[in-house]
Amino acid sequence: MKYLITIVLLLSIGSILYGFSILEEQTPLGHKFIGSGTVGIFLVAMPLFLIMASRGKKMKDYMLTNEKIREMQEKETRNTDNQ
């Protein structure tokens, strides 16, 4: 999976750079290459990376709930008492 993400990212960056290099001679084609590179990064590579990075993690650990807020407040009061 990480090799696929790396390939998509490199192809997208290459497409963007190529689009900027031909932008003066062929403006519409340059814009298409820049746009497709941007789509490749943000709509293909980034979601694939996020899926790979979050595999096996519990979303409950990252959500802000009333229980977590109380725990943070208790830790804060303990830290101020110790100082």
N, C-alpha and C. Protein backbone atom coordinates (compact mmCIF):
# COMPACT_ATOMS: atom_id res chain seq x y z
N MET A 1 0.83 -1.19 0.00
CA MET A 1 0.00 0.00 0.00
C MET A 1 0.88 1.26 0.00
N LYS A 2 1.97 1.23 0.80
CA LYS A 2 2.78 2.45 0.85
C LYS A 2 3.50 2.69 -0.47
N TYR A 3 3.80 1.62 -1.22
CA TYR A 3 4.43 1.81 -2.52
C TYR A 3 3.45 2.43 -3.52
N LEU A 4 2.19 2.04 -3.43
CA LEU A 4 1.16 2.63 -4.29
C LEU A 4 1.00 4.12 -3.98
N ILE A 5 0.99 4.46 -2.71
CA ILE A 5 0.86 5.86 -2.31
C ILE A 5 2.06 6.65 -2.81
N THR A 6 3.25 6.09 -2.67
CA THR A 6 4.46 6.77 -3.13
C THR A 6 4.44 6.99 -4.64
N ILE A 7 4.01 5.98 -5.38
CA ILE A 7 3.93 6.10 -6.84
C ILE A 7 2.92 7.16 -7.25
N VAL A 8 1.75 7.17 -6.62
CA VAL A 8 0.72 8.16 -6.94
C VAL A 8 1.23 9.56 -6.61
N LEU A 9 1.90 9.70 -5.49
CA LEU A 9 2.42 11.01 -5.09
C LEU A 9 3.48 11.49 -6.07
N LEU A 10 4.41 10.63 -6.44
CA LEU A 10 5.46 11.03 -7.38
C LEU A 10 4.89 11.37 -8.76
N LEU A 11 3.94 10.58 -9.22
CA LEU A 11 3.30 10.88 -10.50
C LEU A 11 2.55 12.22 -10.46
N SER A 12 1.89 12.48 -9.35
CA SER A 12 1.14 13.73 -9.21
C SER A 12 2.08 14.94 -9.18
N ILE A 13 3.16 14.82 -8.43
CA ILE A 13 4.12 15.93 -8.38
C ILE A 13 4.77 16.12 -9.75
N GLY A 14 5.09 15.02 -10.43
CA GLY A 14 5.63 15.12 -11.78
C GLY A 14 4.66 15.78 -12.74
N SER A 15 3.39 15.45 -12.62
CA SER A 15 2.37 16.05 -13.47
C SER A 15 2.25 17.55 -13.22
N ILE A 16 2.31 17.95 -11.97
CA ILE A 16 2.23 19.38 -11.64
C ILE A 16 3.44 20.12 -12.20
N LEU A 17 4.63 19.55 -12.01
CA LEU A 17 5.84 20.20 -12.53
C LEU A 17 5.83 20.28 -14.05
N TYR A 18 5.40 19.22 -14.70
CA TYR A 18 5.30 19.23 -16.16
C TYR A 18 4.27 20.27 -16.61
N GLY A 19 3.17 20.36 -15.91
CA GLY A 19 2.15 21.36 -16.26
C GLY A 19 2.69 22.78 -16.16
N PHE A 20 3.49 23.05 -15.13
CA PHE A 20 4.07 24.39 -15.02
C PHE A 20 5.12 24.64 -16.09
N SER A 21 5.81 23.59 -16.52
CA SER A 21 6.85 23.79 -17.54
C SER A 21 6.25 24.07 -18.92
N ILE A 22 5.09 23.52 -19.24
CA ILE A 22 4.48 23.77 -20.55
C ILE A 22 3.39 24.85 -20.49
N LEU A 23 3.26 25.49 -19.37
CA LEU A 23 2.15 26.44 -19.18
C LEU A 23 2.22 27.61 -20.16
N GLU A 24 3.42 28.09 -20.49
CA GLU A 24 3.53 29.25 -21.38
C GLU A 24 3.21 28.90 -22.83
N GLU A 25 3.60 27.70 -23.29
CA GLU A 25 3.36 27.34 -24.68
C GLU A 25 1.94 26.82 -24.89
N GLN A 26 1.47 25.96 -24.02
CA GLN A 26 0.15 25.34 -24.16
C GLN A 26 -0.62 25.51 -22.85
N THR A 27 -1.23 26.64 -22.71
CA THR A 27 -1.90 26.99 -21.45
C THR A 27 -3.00 26.00 -21.05
N PRO A 28 -3.94 25.64 -21.92
CA PRO A 28 -5.00 24.72 -21.47
C PRO A 28 -4.46 23.34 -21.05
N LEU A 29 -3.50 22.82 -21.80
CA LEU A 29 -2.93 21.52 -21.47
C LEU A 29 -2.13 21.60 -20.16
N GLY A 30 -1.45 22.71 -19.95
CA GLY A 30 -0.72 22.90 -18.70
C GLY A 30 -1.64 22.92 -17.50
N HIS A 31 -2.78 23.59 -17.64
CA HIS A 31 -3.76 23.63 -16.55
C HIS A 31 -4.33 22.23 -16.27
N LYS A 32 -4.51 21.44 -17.31
CA LYS A 32 -5.03 20.08 -17.12
C LYS A 32 -4.04 19.22 -16.35
N PHE A 33 -2.74 19.34 -16.69
CA PHE A 33 -1.74 18.56 -15.97
C PHE A 33 -1.64 19.02 -14.51
N ILE A 34 -1.68 20.30 -14.27
CA ILE A 34 -1.62 20.82 -12.90
C ILE A 34 -2.84 20.36 -12.11
N GLY A 35 -4.01 20.44 -12.71
CA GLY A 35 -5.24 20.01 -12.04
C GLY A 35 -5.27 18.52 -11.77
N SER A 36 -4.81 17.72 -12.72
CA SER A 36 -4.82 16.28 -12.48
C SER A 36 -3.80 15.89 -11.42
N GLY A 37 -2.69 16.58 -11.36
CA GLY A 37 -1.71 16.32 -10.29
C GLY A 37 -2.26 16.67 -8.93
N THR A 38 -2.98 17.78 -8.86
CA THR A 38 -3.59 18.19 -7.60
C THR A 38 -4.67 17.19 -7.16
N VAL A 39 -5.47 16.74 -8.10
CA VAL A 39 -6.48 15.72 -7.79
C VAL A 39 -5.82 14.44 -7.32
N GLY A 40 -4.73 14.07 -7.96
CA GLY A 40 -4.02 12.86 -7.56
C GLY A 40 -3.51 12.93 -6.13
N ILE A 41 -3.01 14.10 -5.75
CA ILE A 41 -2.50 14.25 -4.38
C ILE A 41 -3.63 14.25 -3.37
N PHE A 42 -4.62 15.11 -3.59
CA PHE A 42 -5.61 15.34 -2.54
C PHE A 42 -6.81 14.39 -2.56
N LEU A 43 -7.12 13.80 -3.69
CA LEU A 43 -8.28 12.90 -3.73
C LEU A 43 -7.91 11.43 -3.86
N VAL A 44 -6.62 11.14 -4.10
CA VAL A 44 -6.20 9.74 -4.21
C VAL A 44 -5.16 9.41 -3.14
N ALA A 45 -4.02 10.12 -3.17
CA ALA A 45 -2.91 9.78 -2.28
C ALA A 45 -3.23 10.05 -0.81
N MET A 46 -3.82 11.21 -0.52
CA MET A 46 -4.09 11.55 0.88
C MET A 46 -5.11 10.60 1.53
N PRO A 47 -6.24 10.31 0.89
CA PRO A 47 -7.16 9.34 1.52
C PRO A 47 -6.54 7.96 1.69
N LEU A 48 -5.74 7.51 0.71
CA LEU A 48 -5.08 6.21 0.86
C LEU A 48 -4.12 6.23 2.04
N PHE A 49 -3.38 7.33 2.21
CA PHE A 49 -2.47 7.44 3.34
C PHE A 49 -3.23 7.44 4.66
N LEU A 50 -4.32 8.17 4.73
CA LEU A 50 -5.10 8.23 5.97
C LEU A 50 -5.70 6.86 6.31
N ILE A 51 -6.14 6.13 5.31
CA ILE A 51 -6.66 4.78 5.56
C ILE A 51 -5.56 3.88 6.09
N MET A 52 -4.37 3.97 5.48
CA MET A 52 -3.26 3.14 5.91
C MET A 52 -2.80 3.51 7.32
N ALA A 53 -2.74 4.80 7.63
CA ALA A 53 -2.24 5.25 8.92
C ALA A 53 -3.22 4.97 10.05
N SER A 54 -4.52 4.96 9.75
CA SER A 54 -5.51 4.78 10.81
C SER A 54 -5.97 3.34 10.97
N ARG A 55 -5.40 2.42 10.23
CA ARG A 55 -5.80 1.02 10.31
C ARG A 55 -5.46 0.47 11.69
N GLY A 56 -6.45 -0.14 12.34
CA GLY A 56 -6.24 -0.77 13.64
C GLY A 56 -6.37 0.18 14.83
N LYS A 57 -6.73 1.42 14.60
CA LYS A 57 -6.88 2.36 15.70
C LYS A 57 -8.35 2.54 16.03
N LYS A 58 -8.62 2.80 17.29
CA LYS A 58 -10.00 2.99 17.73
C LYS A 58 -10.34 4.48 17.66
N MET A 59 -11.42 4.79 16.97
CA MET A 59 -11.84 6.18 16.84
C MET A 59 -12.28 6.76 18.18
N LYS A 60 -12.72 5.92 19.10
CA LYS A 60 -13.18 6.39 20.40
C LYS A 60 -12.04 7.05 21.18
N ASP A 61 -10.82 6.60 20.97
CA ASP A 61 -9.67 7.19 21.66
C ASP A 61 -9.41 8.62 21.23
N TYR A 62 -9.85 9.01 20.04
CA TYR A 62 -9.57 10.33 19.50
C TYR A 62 -10.76 11.29 19.58
N MET A 63 -11.91 10.81 20.07
CA MET A 63 -13.10 11.65 20.15
C MET A 63 -13.13 12.39 21.48
N LEU A 64 -13.59 13.63 21.45
CA LEU A 64 -13.72 14.44 22.65
C LEU A 64 -15.11 14.20 23.25
N THR A 65 -15.14 13.51 24.38
CA THR A 65 -16.39 13.21 25.06
C THR A 65 -16.38 13.88 26.43
N ASN A 66 -17.53 13.85 27.10
CA ASN A 66 -17.60 14.44 28.45
C ASN A 66 -16.63 13.74 29.40
N GLU A 67 -16.48 12.45 29.26
CA GLU A 67 -15.57 11.69 30.11
C GLU A 67 -14.12 12.15 29.91
N LYS A 68 -13.73 12.37 28.67
CA LYS A 68 -12.36 12.84 28.38
C LYS A 68 -12.15 14.26 28.91
N ILE A 69 -13.16 15.09 28.81
CA ILE A 69 -13.05 16.46 29.32
C ILE A 69 -12.85 16.44 30.82
N ARG A 70 -13.61 15.60 31.52
CA ARG A 70 -13.44 15.49 32.98
C ARG A 70 -12.05 14.99 33.33
N GLU A 71 -11.54 14.01 32.60
CA GLU A 71 -10.19 13.51 32.85
C GLU A 71 -9.14 14.60 32.66
N MET A 72 -9.30 15.41 31.62
CA MET A 72 -8.35 16.49 31.37
C MET A 72 -8.42 17.54 32.48
N GLN A 73 -9.62 17.85 32.94
CA GLN A 73 -9.77 18.82 34.03
C GLN A 73 -9.16 18.30 35.32
N GLU A 74 -9.32 17.01 35.60
CA GLU A 74 -8.72 16.42 36.79
C GLU A 74 -7.20 16.46 36.72
N LYS A 75 -6.64 16.16 35.58
CA LYS A 75 -5.19 16.22 35.41
C LYS A 75 -4.68 17.64 35.58
N GLU A 76 -5.44 18.61 35.08
CA GLU A 76 -5.05 20.01 35.18
C GLU A 76 -5.04 20.46 36.64
N THR A 77 -6.05 20.06 37.41
CA THR A 77 -6.09 20.47 38.82
C THR A 77 -4.97 19.77 39.61
N ARG A 78 -4.65 18.54 39.27
CA ARG A 78 -3.54 17.85 39.96
C ARG A 78 -2.21 18.52 39.65
N ASN A 79 -2.02 18.96 38.42
CA ASN A 79 -0.77 19.62 38.04
C ASN A 79 -0.62 20.97 38.73
N THR A 80 -1.70 21.71 38.90
CA THR A 80 -1.61 23.01 39.55
C THR A 80 -1.42 22.83 41.07
N ASP A 81 -1.94 21.74 41.66
CA ASP A 81 -1.76 21.47 43.08
C ASP A 81 -0.31 21.10 43.37
N ASN A 82 0.36 20.42 42.46
CA ASN A 82 1.73 19.98 42.67
C ASN A 82 2.75 21.12 42.55
N GLN A 83 2.39 22.17 41.89
CA GLN A 83 3.33 23.26 41.67
C GLN A 83 3.29 24.19 42.80
